[in-house]
Amino acid sequence: MQPGQHNMLTLQIIEKIDVVGGYLNIFINKQLLAKTVLEEIAEKKENYGASNIGENKNIVLEYSSPNIAKPMHIGHLRNTVIGGALHKLYKFLGYNVTALNFLGDWGINFAKIIAGYNMWKDEPEVSLESLDSIFNIYVRYNELEVGADSISAHPNKYTDLARKWQIKLEDGDAEALKLWNIIRDISIKEAEKIYNLLNCKFDLYNGEAFYNDKMEDVILELKQKNLLVESEGAQIVDLEAFDMPPCIIITSAGTTLYATRDIASLKYRAETYNFDKAVYVVGSEQQLHFRQIFKVFELMGYEKYAKNCEHVYYGMILDSQGKKMASRKGTSLNLIELLNESVQKSKEVIEEKGTDIADKDKLAKQIGIGAIIFNSLYVAKIKDVIFDWDSILNFQGETGPYLQYTYVRTRSVLEKAGYTPEIKDVDFAKMQEPEEINTIKLLYKFSETIEAAAERNEPSVLARYLIDLAQDFSTFYNEHKILIEDKSIQDARLYLTYACGIVLKTGAELLGIDVPERM
C-alpha cells in the first residue's frame, strides 16, 4: 500500500457519521473492512505491513557497542534488543540500513592484558584462548596494580609497564597488535553467540580503534574553522551559547577523548554512507555527550547530517524489588548466563506441563529467549524494566510466552480443521460479530503500527500492539466456536484465524522473537 492510500481507504471503510446528543458516531462498513484487510493479507502474507517508505534512504544504526575483552552483562541487554528491533523495523519499511557495532576495543585495558599475558604466559592456566581466560588476566593484573599502590609511594611499576605496552600498541608494534587482534577476535566470537540468540546482526564491527587514524583530520578541520579554543591547557569547542558545557577535544595532557572519536566516526559515516538518518542506541547517561557531538558537527558545517542524528536512550533493568540487578558477588549479571538460565527455566516449565513435543530443547530456547526479549521491549524505552522470572515466563498476561502461545493456538485450530487458507472461500458478509470486527480493525492497523514504532524509535509500540491483537483473538476464540457445521461461517473464521497468525508471527519476528509452531 502506497503512502496516502491508507487514509483514502479509511474514508471508504467509514459507512456514515452521525452526531447524536453531542457524540460523534462513526459507522464502519464491516464487509468492506474485512474484504480489504484479509485480501491484502492473502496477497502479501508475511510481507503484510511492509512498505517502501524508506526506499533510497540510508540509515546508519549503532547499537550494542560493548567494551570487549570481558563478558557482556545484563546492562547490554536493552541496548542490544532495542537496536536489533529497530534494525528489523527499518528494513521492513524499505530503508537501506547499515548496522554498526562500535566496540570499545582500544585503550589501557588491552595494554594491561597484554602485559599480564607476557608476564604469566608460561603458567598452564594462562592463555588468550577464551574470553574468560582473557578477562581473568585483566582482573589479576588490576589486583596486582592496586596491591602495588597500597604498599609503595613510588611510581607503580605495573601501571608503567601497561603504559609501555599501550605506547607499543599506538605505535603499531607487531607483537602488541598481534595479541590485540587475538583478544578482539575472541571477544567478537563470544559476543556473536549472544547476538545469534537474540537474533541481532551487524554489518560492521568498527570499534574505537578503527577511528584512530581519523581523529587528526577532525582536529585539523576544527582548527581551520576556528572552532577550537584553549581553556586551562585543553582544546575545547565552546558551547556556552547553546546552554551546554564545553566539548573537550584534546585534554591538557594532549590526549583525545570519546568526543574526538565520536566526531571522527560521525564524519566518516556521513562521508561513507551519505545517511538520511544516524541513530545511536546508547544509555541515557550519554544524553549531554551526544547533544554536544551533534552540535559540534553542525558547527563544522555538516548541518544536513547533524539535524538527522538521533540518540535513542533507555531505562535500566531492575530486579523485582526495584533495585539495580546484581549477582551475589555484587557485579553485573553475565548476559549469556542469564539467557541460558531463561532457557533452562523454560525447559523445566515445559516438562512440568508434560508437553508432547519432540524437540523440547528448541522449544525451551524459543520460549526462554523470546521471554527475555519481550520483557525488555514491552516497556517504553525510557522507562526502567522490572526483571522478575515469575512474570517473564508466565503464559498468561502481557508476556512473550503468551504471545507465542496465542500464535500456536492459531496454528492448532487450522491444523485441527485440516484447513488450507483460501481467500476465495471467504464470505465477508459472514463476519458480523463484534469480536471478529474488533480483531479485523487491529489487523488493519498493523502497517501504521510498524511505521509509528520506527518513526518514534519505540519497539514497545509494536510489542503492545501484538498483545492487544493476541487478546482480541483470544476473546474472539473464546466467544465464538470456529469449527462449526455452517461451512461459510467456519471458513470465514478460519481465514481470520490464519490472518491473525500471520501478523502475530511477523510482528514477533520484527522484535527478534522466534515463534514455535507447537507448544
Protein backbone atom coordinates (compact mmCIF):
# COMPACT_ATOMS: atom_id res chain seq x y z
CA MET A 1 0.00 0.00 0.00
CA GLN A 2 1.45 3.36 -1.05
CA PRO A 3 1.59 6.36 1.36
CA GLY A 4 -1.76 8.11 1.30
CA GLN A 5 -3.72 5.05 0.20
CA HIS A 6 -4.26 4.02 3.82
CA ASN A 7 -6.08 7.29 4.63
CA MET A 8 -8.20 7.07 1.47
CA LEU A 9 -9.13 3.51 2.32
CA THR A 10 -10.11 4.60 5.83
CA LEU A 11 -12.61 7.06 4.32
CA GLN A 12 -14.07 4.32 2.13
CA ILE A 13 -14.47 1.97 5.08
CA ILE A 14 -16.43 4.58 7.03
CA GLU A 15 -20.07 3.97 6.08
CA LYS A 16 -21.61 7.01 7.77
CA ILE A 17 -21.05 9.52 10.55
CA ASP A 18 -23.83 10.74 12.87
CA VAL A 19 -23.83 13.33 15.61
CA VAL A 20 -26.23 12.34 18.36
CA GLY A 21 -26.51 14.12 21.72
CA GLY A 22 -23.08 15.69 21.40
CA TYR A 23 -21.42 12.40 20.46
CA LEU A 24 -19.78 11.56 17.15
CA ASN A 25 -20.85 8.11 15.96
CA ILE A 26 -18.77 6.52 13.19
CA PHE A 27 -20.23 3.51 11.40
CA ILE A 28 -17.87 1.15 9.61
CA ASN A 29 -18.65 -0.85 6.51
CA LYS A 30 -17.78 -4.16 8.10
CA GLN A 31 -17.85 -6.16 4.90
CA LEU A 32 -15.53 -3.75 3.04
CA LEU A 33 -13.16 -3.60 6.02
CA ALA A 34 -12.94 -7.41 6.25
CA LYS A 35 -12.53 -7.78 2.48
CA THR A 36 -9.81 -5.12 2.27
CA VAL A 37 -7.75 -6.38 5.19
CA LEU A 38 -8.00 -10.11 4.55
CA GLU A 39 -7.39 -9.84 0.81
CA GLU A 40 -4.25 -7.80 1.44
CA ILE A 41 -3.00 -10.39 3.94
CA ALA A 42 -3.78 -13.13 1.40
CA GLU A 43 -1.70 -11.29 -1.20
CA LYS A 44 1.26 -10.24 0.95
CA LYS A 45 1.33 -12.93 3.64
CA GLU A 46 4.46 -12.40 5.80
CA ASN A 47 5.09 -9.09 3.97
CA TYR A 48 1.78 -7.67 5.15
CA GLY A 49 2.55 -4.39 6.92
CA ALA A 50 5.75 -3.81 4.99
CA SER A 51 6.18 -0.72 2.82
CA ASN A 52 8.66 1.14 0.67
CA ILE A 53 8.58 4.46 2.52
CA GLY A 54 12.29 4.02 3.21
CA GLU A 55 13.23 3.33 -0.39
CA ASN A 56 16.52 5.01 -1.41
CA LYS A 57 17.02 6.31 2.12
CA ASN A 58 20.09 5.34 4.16
CA ILE A 59 20.06 4.75 7.90
CA VAL A 60 23.21 4.20 9.96
CA LEU A 61 22.30 2.39 13.17
CA GLU A 62 24.77 1.99 16.02
CA TYR A 63 23.80 -0.36 18.82
CA SER A 64 25.07 -2.82 21.45
CA SER A 65 28.67 -1.49 21.37
CA PRO A 66 30.14 -3.31 24.39
CA ASN A 67 33.63 -2.87 25.79
CA ILE A 68 35.35 -6.06 24.71
CA ALA A 69 37.83 -8.36 26.49
CA LYS A 70 35.22 -9.08 29.14
CA PRO A 71 31.83 -10.81 29.21
CA MET A 72 28.73 -8.83 28.22
CA HIS A 73 26.44 -8.18 31.18
CA ILE A 74 22.74 -7.50 31.65
CA GLY A 75 23.36 -3.78 31.13
CA HIS A 76 23.88 -4.55 27.43
CA LEU A 77 20.54 -6.34 27.06
CA ARG A 78 18.12 -3.49 26.34
CA ASN A 79 20.62 -1.69 24.14
CA THR A 80 21.04 -4.81 22.03
CA VAL A 81 17.39 -5.85 21.70
CA ILE A 82 16.13 -2.28 21.10
CA GLY A 83 18.73 -1.80 18.39
CA GLY A 84 18.00 -5.23 16.92
CA ALA A 85 14.28 -4.47 16.71
CA LEU A 86 14.88 -1.07 15.10
CA HIS A 87 17.18 -2.72 12.56
CA LYS A 88 14.39 -5.12 11.53
CA LEU A 89 11.68 -2.44 11.56
CA TYR A 90 13.66 -0.09 9.32
CA LYS A 91 14.44 -2.86 6.84
CA PHE A 92 10.76 -3.91 6.81
CA LEU A 93 9.92 -0.37 5.74
CA GLY A 94 12.39 -0.47 2.88
CA TYR A 95 15.27 1.55 4.33
CA ASN A 96 18.85 0.73 3.42
CA VAL A 97 20.20 0.05 6.91
CA THR A 98 23.83 -0.28 7.95
CA ALA A 99 24.07 -1.78 11.44
CA LEU A 100 27.28 -0.87 13.27
CA ASN A 101 28.74 -2.26 16.47
CA PHE A 102 31.02 0.48 17.86
CA LEU A 103 33.18 -1.78 20.03
CA GLY A 104 35.20 -0.45 22.93
CA ASP A 105 38.35 -2.08 21.56
CA TRP A 106 41.14 0.35 22.41
CA GLY A 107 42.87 1.76 25.48
CA ILE A 108 44.88 0.93 28.57
CA ASN A 109 42.75 -2.13 29.45
CA PHE A 110 44.14 -4.04 26.47
CA ALA A 111 47.68 -3.00 27.35
CA LYS A 112 47.16 -4.47 30.83
CA ILE A 113 46.00 -7.79 29.36
CA ILE A 114 48.98 -7.91 27.02
CA ALA A 115 51.37 -7.01 29.84
CA GLY A 116 49.86 -9.68 32.11
CA TYR A 117 49.90 -12.31 29.41
CA ASN A 118 53.60 -11.73 28.74
CA MET A 119 54.32 -11.98 32.48
CA TRP A 120 52.39 -15.21 33.07
CA LYS A 121 52.12 -16.97 29.70
CA ASP A 122 54.26 -19.90 30.87
CA GLU A 123 51.69 -20.74 33.55
CA PRO A 124 49.37 -23.58 32.38
CA GLU A 125 46.14 -21.77 33.24
CA VAL A 126 47.10 -18.53 31.47
CA SER A 127 46.10 -18.18 27.82
CA LEU A 128 44.31 -15.97 25.31
CA GLU A 129 42.15 -18.86 24.10
CA SER A 130 38.82 -17.85 25.66
CA LEU A 131 37.09 -14.72 26.85
CA ASP A 132 37.12 -15.99 30.42
CA SER A 133 40.89 -16.55 30.38
CA ILE A 134 41.43 -13.09 28.86
CA PHE A 135 39.24 -11.44 31.48
CA ASN A 136 41.00 -13.38 34.26
CA ILE A 137 44.33 -11.89 33.16
CA TYR A 138 42.82 -8.41 33.29
CA VAL A 139 41.37 -8.96 36.78
CA ARG A 140 44.63 -10.46 38.06
CA TYR A 141 46.70 -7.59 36.64
CA ASN A 142 44.40 -4.99 38.17
CA GLU A 143 44.70 -6.66 41.58
CA LEU A 144 48.49 -6.65 41.23
CA GLU A 145 48.45 -2.98 40.27
CA VAL A 146 46.21 -2.00 43.18
CA GLY A 147 48.32 -4.05 45.58
CA ALA A 148 51.47 -2.27 44.42
CA ASP A 149 49.80 1.09 45.03
CA SER A 150 48.94 0.13 48.60
CA ILE A 151 52.48 -0.79 49.64
CA SER A 152 54.58 1.83 47.93
CA ALA A 153 54.63 5.56 47.44
CA HIS A 154 56.86 5.13 44.40
CA PRO A 155 55.53 5.09 40.83
CA ASN A 156 53.60 1.89 40.20
CA LYS A 157 55.74 -0.42 38.06
CA TYR A 158 52.69 -2.32 36.79
CA THR A 159 50.98 0.87 35.66
CA ASP A 160 54.22 1.90 33.97
CA LEU A 161 54.51 -1.48 32.26
CA ALA A 162 50.94 -1.26 30.95
CA ARG A 163 51.59 2.25 29.62
CA LYS A 164 54.66 0.98 27.77
CA TRP A 165 52.54 -1.67 26.07
CA GLN A 166 49.90 0.95 25.30
CA ILE A 167 52.55 3.06 23.56
CA LYS A 168 53.65 -0.02 21.62
CA LEU A 169 50.07 -0.60 20.52
CA GLU A 170 49.67 3.01 19.43
CA ASP A 171 52.99 2.87 17.56
CA GLY A 172 51.91 -0.26 15.67
CA ASP A 173 54.28 -2.73 17.35
CA ALA A 174 53.83 -6.11 15.61
CA GLU A 175 53.68 -8.26 18.78
CA ALA A 176 51.30 -5.89 20.55
CA LEU A 177 48.97 -5.72 17.55
CA LYS A 178 49.05 -9.50 17.10
CA LEU A 179 47.93 -10.06 20.71
CA TRP A 180 45.36 -7.24 20.46
CA ASN A 181 43.84 -8.84 17.37
CA ILE A 182 43.59 -12.20 19.14
CA ILE A 183 41.79 -10.55 22.07
CA ARG A 184 39.45 -8.68 19.73
CA ASP A 185 38.60 -11.70 17.56
CA ILE A 186 37.79 -13.93 20.54
CA SER A 187 35.68 -11.17 22.10
CA ILE A 188 33.64 -10.77 18.92
CA LYS A 189 33.12 -14.53 18.59
CA GLU A 190 31.81 -14.69 22.16
CA ALA A 191 29.57 -11.67 21.61
CA GLU A 192 28.16 -13.24 18.45
CA LYS A 193 26.92 -16.21 20.50
CA ILE A 194 24.69 -13.73 22.32
CA TYR A 195 23.73 -11.88 19.14
CA ASN A 196 22.70 -15.16 17.50
CA LEU A 197 20.47 -15.99 20.46
CA LEU A 198 18.90 -12.51 20.35
CA ASN A 199 18.53 -12.56 16.55
CA CYS A 200 20.72 -9.49 16.08
CA LYS A 201 23.07 -8.94 13.16
CA PHE A 202 25.71 -6.34 12.35
CA ASP A 203 27.20 -5.25 9.07
CA LEU A 204 30.42 -3.95 10.63
CA TYR A 205 32.32 -4.16 13.92
CA ASN A 206 34.16 -0.86 13.51
CA GLY A 207 35.20 -0.01 17.06
CA GLU A 208 37.24 2.77 18.61
CA ALA A 209 40.47 1.51 17.07
CA PHE A 210 39.08 1.95 13.56
CA TYR A 211 38.96 5.72 14.05
CA ASN A 212 42.48 6.15 15.47
CA ASP A 213 43.84 7.48 12.20
CA LYS A 214 40.78 9.64 11.52
CA MET A 215 40.88 11.94 14.54
CA GLU A 216 43.81 14.07 13.37
CA ASP A 217 41.85 15.27 10.34
CA VAL A 218 38.91 16.23 12.57
CA ILE A 219 41.20 18.19 14.90
CA LEU A 220 42.76 19.96 11.91
CA GLU A 221 39.33 20.79 10.50
CA LEU A 222 38.17 22.19 13.84
CA LYS A 223 41.25 24.40 13.92
CA GLN A 224 40.79 25.57 10.33
CA LYS A 225 37.19 26.51 11.06
CA ASN A 226 38.27 28.42 14.21
CA LEU A 227 36.16 26.25 16.47
CA LEU A 228 38.95 25.12 18.82
CA VAL A 229 39.60 27.31 21.84
CA GLU A 230 42.25 26.81 24.52
CA SER A 231 40.92 26.51 28.06
CA GLU A 232 43.14 25.62 31.03
CA GLY A 233 45.56 23.88 28.71
CA ALA A 234 42.84 21.84 26.95
CA GLN A 235 41.45 22.34 23.44
CA ILE A 236 37.67 22.75 23.51
CA VAL A 237 34.69 23.78 21.42
CA ASP A 238 32.80 26.45 23.36
CA LEU A 239 29.09 25.60 23.50
CA GLU A 240 28.00 28.16 26.09
CA ALA A 241 25.80 29.89 23.51
CA PHE A 242 23.81 26.64 23.29
CA ASP A 243 23.45 26.18 27.06
CA MET A 244 25.95 23.33 27.14
CA PRO A 245 29.34 22.92 28.81
CA PRO A 246 32.39 22.93 26.52
CA CYS A 247 33.09 19.88 24.38
CA ILE A 248 36.67 18.85 25.19
CA ILE A 249 38.54 17.70 22.08
CA ILE A 250 42.10 17.46 23.45
CA THR A 251 42.89 17.27 27.18
CA SER A 252 45.56 19.36 28.89
CA ALA A 253 47.73 16.22 28.77
CA GLY A 254 47.43 16.20 24.97
CA THR A 255 45.22 13.13 24.70
CA THR A 256 41.98 12.74 22.77
CA LEU A 257 38.64 11.78 24.31
CA TYR A 258 35.45 9.97 23.35
CA ALA A 259 34.15 13.22 21.87
CA THR A 260 37.07 13.39 19.43
CA ARG A 261 36.49 9.82 18.34
CA ASP A 262 32.71 10.19 18.06
CA ILE A 263 33.02 13.27 15.87
CA ALA A 264 35.52 11.39 13.68
CA SER A 265 33.14 8.43 13.43
CA LEU A 266 30.21 10.70 12.60
CA LYS A 267 32.18 12.42 9.85
CA TYR A 268 33.26 9.05 8.44
CA ARG A 269 29.68 7.76 8.45
CA ALA A 270 28.38 10.88 6.71
CA GLU A 271 31.04 10.63 4.01
CA THR A 272 30.81 6.85 3.60
CA TYR A 273 27.07 6.23 3.80
CA ASN A 274 25.57 9.66 2.98
CA PHE A 275 22.97 8.86 5.62
CA ASP A 276 19.46 10.28 5.82
CA LYS A 277 19.40 9.34 9.49
CA ALA A 278 22.05 8.28 12.02
CA VAL A 279 20.68 6.52 15.10
CA TYR A 280 22.74 5.90 18.24
CA VAL A 281 21.27 3.42 20.74
CA VAL A 282 23.26 4.37 23.84
CA GLY A 283 22.42 4.74 27.54
CA SER A 284 20.68 7.81 28.95
CA GLU A 285 23.80 8.92 30.83
CA GLN A 286 25.24 9.96 27.45
CA GLN A 287 22.48 12.46 26.58
CA LEU A 288 24.67 15.53 27.07
CA HIS A 289 27.57 13.92 25.26
CA PHE A 290 25.51 13.35 22.10
CA ARG A 291 23.91 16.78 22.23
CA GLN A 292 27.44 18.19 22.25
CA ILE A 293 28.66 15.91 19.45
CA PHE A 294 25.73 16.70 17.17
CA LYS A 295 26.08 20.44 17.84
CA VAL A 296 29.83 20.45 17.14
CA PHE A 297 29.22 18.55 13.91
CA GLU A 298 26.63 21.14 12.91
CA LEU A 299 29.07 23.99 13.69
CA MET A 300 31.63 22.26 11.48
CA GLY A 301 29.26 22.84 8.56
CA TYR A 302 27.55 19.45 8.42
CA GLU A 303 24.07 20.67 9.32
CA LYS A 304 22.49 18.41 6.68
CA TYR A 305 23.67 15.38 8.64
CA ALA A 306 23.70 16.78 12.18
CA LYS A 307 19.97 17.57 12.12
CA ASN A 308 19.25 13.93 11.27
CA CYS A 309 21.22 12.41 14.14
CA GLU A 310 19.18 10.81 16.91
CA HIS A 311 20.23 9.49 20.30
CA VAL A 312 17.94 6.64 21.39
CA TYR A 313 18.37 6.10 25.12
CA TYR A 314 16.67 3.71 27.51
CA GLY A 315 15.99 2.88 31.15
CA MET A 316 17.74 0.34 33.35
CA ILE A 317 16.81 -3.24 34.19
CA LEU A 318 15.81 -3.57 37.85
CA ASP A 319 15.05 -6.59 40.00
CA SER A 320 11.63 -7.33 41.50
CA GLN A 321 12.47 -5.02 44.40
CA GLY A 322 13.16 -2.13 42.06
CA LYS A 323 16.92 -2.26 42.61
CA LYS A 324 19.70 -2.47 40.04
CA MET A 325 20.31 -6.11 39.23
CA ALA A 326 23.46 -7.67 40.63
CA SER A 327 24.87 -11.12 41.25
CA ARG A 328 25.74 -12.46 44.70
CA LYS A 329 29.23 -11.05 44.23
CA GLY A 330 27.79 -7.60 43.65
CA THR A 331 28.77 -7.42 40.00
CA SER A 332 26.51 -7.10 36.96
CA LEU A 333 24.98 -10.36 35.80
CA ASN A 334 26.68 -12.15 32.93
CA LEU A 335 24.33 -11.90 29.94
CA ILE A 336 25.00 -15.29 28.36
CA GLU A 337 24.45 -16.98 31.75
CA LEU A 338 21.17 -15.10 32.15
CA LEU A 339 19.93 -16.18 28.71
CA ASN A 340 20.93 -19.79 29.37
CA GLU A 341 19.14 -19.68 32.71
CA SER A 342 15.96 -18.48 31.00
CA VAL A 343 16.18 -21.38 28.54
CA GLN A 344 16.68 -23.85 31.39
CA LYS A 345 13.74 -22.46 33.37
CA SER A 346 11.57 -22.68 30.24
CA LYS A 347 12.55 -26.30 29.79
CA GLU A 348 11.51 -27.04 33.37
CA VAL A 349 8.10 -25.43 32.72
CA ILE A 350 7.70 -27.49 29.52
CA GLU A 351 8.49 -30.71 31.37
CA GLU A 352 6.14 -29.82 34.23
CA LYS A 353 3.31 -29.29 31.75
CA GLY A 354 4.09 -32.62 30.09
CA THR A 355 4.26 -31.01 26.66
CA ASP A 356 4.20 -33.69 23.97
CA ILE A 357 6.76 -32.31 21.55
CA ALA A 358 9.88 -33.95 20.15
CA ASP A 359 12.43 -31.12 20.29
CA LYS A 360 11.95 -29.71 23.78
CA ASP A 361 15.36 -28.04 23.72
CA LYS A 362 14.42 -25.97 20.68
CA LEU A 363 11.07 -25.03 22.22
CA ALA A 364 12.72 -24.06 25.51
CA LYS A 365 15.15 -21.84 23.62
CA GLN A 366 12.34 -20.14 21.71
CA ILE A 367 10.31 -19.52 24.86
CA GLY A 368 13.21 -18.58 27.12
CA ILE A 369 14.93 -16.15 24.76
CA GLY A 370 11.63 -14.76 23.48
CA ALA A 371 10.51 -14.07 27.04
CA ILE A 372 13.68 -12.08 27.82
CA ILE A 373 13.44 -10.05 24.60
CA PHE A 374 9.74 -9.27 25.03
CA ASN A 375 10.17 -8.24 28.66
CA SER A 376 12.84 -5.74 27.58
CA LEU A 377 10.82 -4.30 24.70
CA TYR A 378 7.27 -4.19 26.09
CA VAL A 379 8.02 -1.25 28.37
CA ALA A 380 8.58 2.16 26.75
CA LYS A 381 12.32 2.50 26.17
CA ILE A 382 12.89 5.44 28.53
CA LYS A 383 11.28 3.56 31.44
CA ASP A 384 13.05 1.07 33.68
CA VAL A 385 12.25 -2.62 33.21
CA ILE A 386 11.42 -4.93 36.10
CA PHE A 387 13.10 -8.31 35.77
CA ASP A 388 11.08 -10.98 37.59
CA TRP A 389 11.22 -14.61 36.49
CA ASP A 390 7.63 -15.38 37.57
CA SER A 391 6.28 -12.59 35.37
CA ILE A 392 8.65 -13.03 32.43
CA LEU A 393 7.91 -16.74 31.93
CA ASN A 394 4.18 -16.51 32.64
CA PHE A 395 1.96 -17.91 29.89
CA GLN A 396 -0.86 -15.57 30.95
CA GLY A 397 -0.79 -11.80 30.75
CA GLU A 398 1.34 -9.40 28.76
CA THR A 399 4.36 -11.62 28.15
CA GLY A 400 6.40 -13.22 25.40
CA PRO A 401 5.17 -16.75 26.18
CA TYR A 402 1.55 -15.55 25.99
CA LEU A 403 2.22 -14.03 22.56
CA GLN A 404 3.85 -17.25 21.37
CA TYR A 405 1.07 -19.38 22.86
CA THR A 406 -1.60 -17.36 21.06
CA TYR A 407 0.19 -17.84 17.74
CA VAL A 408 0.45 -21.59 18.39
CA ARG A 409 -3.28 -21.64 19.13
CA THR A 410 -3.98 -20.22 15.66
CA ARG A 411 -1.85 -22.96 14.12
CA SER A 412 -3.56 -25.64 16.22
CA VAL A 413 -7.04 -24.54 15.09
CA LEU A 414 -6.03 -24.60 11.42
CA GLU A 415 -4.33 -27.97 11.82
CA LYS A 416 -7.34 -29.48 13.56
CA ALA A 417 -9.59 -28.26 10.76
CA GLY A 418 -7.21 -29.53 8.09
CA TYR A 419 -7.64 -26.08 6.60
CA THR A 420 -5.64 -24.71 3.69
CA PRO A 421 -6.11 -20.92 3.63
CA GLU A 422 -8.02 -19.86 0.52
CA ILE A 423 -9.29 -16.29 0.32
CA LYS A 424 -11.76 -17.29 -2.42
CA ASP A 425 -13.65 -19.33 0.19
CA VAL A 426 -14.28 -16.33 2.44
CA ASP A 427 -17.75 -14.80 2.54
CA PHE A 428 -17.00 -11.44 4.09
CA ALA A 429 -20.68 -10.82 4.86
CA LYS A 430 -20.46 -13.61 7.45
CA MET A 431 -18.12 -11.51 9.60
CA GLN A 432 -20.54 -9.53 11.73
CA GLU A 433 -19.74 -10.43 15.33
CA PRO A 434 -18.19 -7.57 17.38
CA GLU A 435 -15.23 -9.77 18.38
CA GLU A 436 -14.49 -10.53 14.73
CA ILE A 437 -14.70 -6.89 13.69
CA ASN A 438 -12.52 -5.73 16.58
CA THR A 439 -9.86 -8.24 15.55
CA ILE A 440 -10.03 -7.15 11.90
CA LYS A 441 -9.74 -3.49 12.94
CA LEU A 442 -6.49 -4.32 14.73
CA LEU A 443 -5.17 -6.25 11.74
CA TYR A 444 -5.89 -3.15 9.64
CA LYS A 445 -3.72 -1.05 11.98
CA PHE A 446 -0.63 -3.25 11.65
CA SER A 447 1.01 -1.16 8.93
CA GLU A 448 0.58 2.15 10.76
CA THR A 449 1.82 0.50 13.96
CA ILE A 450 5.05 -0.58 12.23
CA GLU A 451 5.56 2.92 10.86
CA ALA A 452 4.89 4.54 14.25
CA ALA A 453 7.31 2.19 16.03
CA ALA A 454 10.07 3.03 13.53
CA GLU A 455 9.38 6.76 13.40
CA ARG A 456 9.48 7.04 17.20
CA ASN A 457 12.34 4.52 17.59
CA GLU A 458 9.99 2.78 20.00
CA PRO A 459 9.65 -1.03 19.66
CA SER A 460 7.21 -1.06 22.58
CA VAL A 461 4.57 0.35 20.21
CA LEU A 462 4.72 -2.91 18.26
CA ALA A 463 5.04 -5.10 21.38
CA ARG A 464 1.90 -3.59 22.91
CA TYR A 465 0.02 -3.89 19.63
CA LEU A 466 0.84 -7.61 19.46
CA ILE A 467 -0.50 -8.18 22.96
CA ASP A 468 -3.70 -6.29 22.04
CA LEU A 469 -4.09 -8.47 18.94
CA ALA A 470 -3.40 -11.66 20.91
CA GLN A 471 -6.01 -10.64 23.49
CA ASP A 472 -8.60 -9.72 20.85
CA PHE A 473 -8.08 -13.01 19.04
CA SER A 474 -8.38 -14.90 22.33
CA THR A 475 -11.67 -13.12 23.07
CA PHE A 476 -12.95 -13.99 19.59
CA TYR A 477 -11.78 -17.60 20.04
CA ASN A 478 -13.46 -17.94 23.45
CA GLU A 479 -16.73 -16.27 22.46
CA HIS A 480 -17.34 -17.99 19.13
CA LYS A 481 -16.82 -21.54 18.00
CA ILE A 482 -14.69 -21.71 14.90
CA LEU A 483 -15.24 -25.32 13.83
CA ILE A 484 -19.00 -25.43 13.21
CA GLU A 485 -21.42 -27.02 10.74
CA ASP A 486 -22.08 -23.83 8.76
CA LYS A 487 -19.14 -24.07 6.35
CA SER A 488 -19.35 -20.47 5.12
CA ILE A 489 -19.07 -19.09 8.66
CA GLN A 490 -16.40 -21.66 9.55
CA ASP A 491 -14.26 -20.76 6.52
CA ALA A 492 -14.53 -17.05 7.31
CA ARG A 493 -13.46 -17.63 10.91
CA LEU A 494 -10.68 -19.98 9.89
CA TYR A 495 -9.27 -17.40 7.50
CA LEU A 496 -9.44 -14.75 10.21
CA THR A 497 -7.55 -17.16 12.47
CA TYR A 498 -4.93 -17.66 9.76
CA ALA A 499 -4.59 -13.90 9.25
CA CYS A 500 -4.07 -13.32 12.97
CA GLY A 501 -1.35 -15.97 12.98
CA ILE A 502 0.44 -14.28 10.07
CA VAL A 503 0.50 -10.89 11.81
CA LEU A 504 1.43 -12.27 15.24
CA LYS A 505 4.37 -14.17 13.73
CA THR A 506 5.54 -11.28 11.54
CA GLY A 507 5.35 -8.82 14.43
CA ALA A 508 7.13 -11.14 16.85
CA GLU A 509 9.96 -11.73 14.39
CA LEU A 510 10.36 -7.97 13.89
CA LEU A 511 11.02 -7.78 17.64
CA GLY A 512 13.58 -10.59 17.30
CA ILE A 513 11.34 -13.29 18.78
CA ASP A 514 11.07 -16.76 17.25
CA VAL A 515 7.61 -18.31 17.44
CA PRO A 516 7.18 -22.10 17.72
CA GLU A 517 4.65 -23.96 15.61
CA ARG A 518 3.67 -26.16 18.56
CA MET A 519 3.79 -25.80 22.35
